[in-house]
Amino acid sequence: MSGLRGTLWEGVSLWRVRAAPDPDSPPRPIALPVAWTEEEAAALAALVPGAGPVLLPRLAEAWIAPLAERGRKLGILADAAEAGAFAEALRALLLARRGAPGATLWRQEAKAPARFVLNLPAFLDAEGGFDAPGYAAAVALGIRALDIWSGAKAPRLALGFADLAGLLAGLGLAYDSAEARAVGAAIAALTRGAAEAESGRLADRLGAREPVCLLAPAPPGETPVPGLAAAARAALDAAAGSFGLRHLGLVVLTPPDAVERLLGAESGGLAPASGPTRLTSDGQGWVTEVPTRAALRCGRAAERLLAPVPDSAWLAMAQAVAPYLHATPPLPLAESAPSRPAAPLPARPEPISGRPGGGVWRVTVGGHRVVLRTTEDAAGRPMEVSIALTKEGAAYRSLMDAMMQAVSIGLAAGVDLASFVDAYAYTRFGPAGAVEGDPAIRQATSVLDWAFRKLAREYLGRTDLADPLEEDCAPDSIGRPADQAPLLPLDLPEAPAPRARRKQLRLVG
């Protein structure tokens, strides 16, 4: 790493881990800062496909150093000193996980459009406020990097932010509130003002191509975050004071990808949080539920601040933010028309399992790890069922997910759980065999067999579903002969021999 001496990388301690972008890909060695986790390592593996080792400093320098040199040649960076400061600022932004360019720059795809994303929760300060000056500087840095990458030729650039929901939770604000929408609008106004002010500075050096356009409506007059409204107004005033702009469009929110994962953002753009917990894989390959980063930041208020919100709250946030963007932000899919009232669910037989919210069971079936998870309604009845597998292929897992979604839709529509138990208990397909981790069920003919017999015991109180015989769980088992119906209702007539068939032929005519 001799080429990294004298830069911020020189004082960064690294650790090694093996990671893959998805469970179906072979892991590869990744070296990254010790404060970063396996999730960031997986994101790095996804950013740069391949099978070889990945060293974060070298990977980042593959685009940082060329950008600095190209910017000096284009005249965007005045001299070697400014180019060096520009490169160090990019390194600092990445190491703080405040911002980074999209996959195009990481993969050096010269002809593909580029993007730059800023991770909003990373700009929370120690006092619970927002680092508006640091954010404005990061916006300007991202615009400069994108303009250099385009060769100072692109009329439109794509800079955006991620994880507004995480920022709001860190500030103690509920997503579906007027205060949160004021903060979202102020963040968007600050982003646009800082971006256009930088475009004006680039126009001073390279020549203006667009006139300055004053924004309407004005940014929020006040927000719950000290100094944020004033910073947004100052940024817009600075942009309005430019003699001209270099770009036609700058601020664009795009769907998230591996870059957001690398920065630690947990939601894309202005999307709301999906909840206070997330699923991840532990060191032994088990799927486990852990608090989100946003939940860890807001502590006991996580359930309230990170609870799922209706799509109407997302749309209201988009309406508050959209006037300051140069393109329509990604929005949720249109809600389907309300369905007809479902029949009331039948009463659940005793005993009732006393798990508020649902249950989670982890076992191995035939040596394959399986996680069964349920979500319950207020009466304790199962409303959603999911099965997570850690060793199967993508096609197998997709089919299992699709079937569990169908089961969940049926339960929500009023179908009795007993109907699903009768349909799926004792189904035969691999993996099958011994069950480890469940003292009540020791053998299963399939993952579905174990799962639905487990649900029958937990929710229906049924103990009449005995374990299958060991030979019934063998890979080539089709069941006991007494259980099999004849393949055809009648015996086929005996086919005549070829010579006999020839004798049956006769010439006519």
Foldseek 3Di string as FASTA:
>chain_A
DVVCPPAPVVPFDWDWDWEALDLVDGTEIEIDGPVDDNLLVSLVCVLAPDHYYYYVVVLVCQQLVVLLVLCCVLCVQVDPVSSRVLSRVQVVCLVLLQKDKGSCRSHVVLPDAIEIEGEQLSQQDPVLFGNLVVVLVVLLSRLSSNCSSVSVPAQEHEYEYFQLLLSCLSSVHALLDPLSLLLLQLVLLLSLLSNLLSQLVSCVRVNADFAQDQFPPQRDPDHPHPPSSVSSNVSSVSNNPRRHGSHDFYYAFDADDSSCSNSLGQGGGSDAADAQWDWDADPVQDIDIDGGPSCVSNDPCRRVRRHDDDQVSVVVSQVSHVSSHPDRHDGDDDDDDDDDQADDADDFDDDQAPDQQWDWAWKAFLNWIKIWIFGADPVRHTQAIAMDTRPDDPVVNVVRRVVRVVVNVCVNRHNDLVVVLVVQAQDAAPPWAAMGRDPLEGGGRYPSNVRSVVCCCNTRVDSPRHYDDRQSNDRPHPDDPVPDDDPDPDDDDDDDDPVVVVVVDDDDD
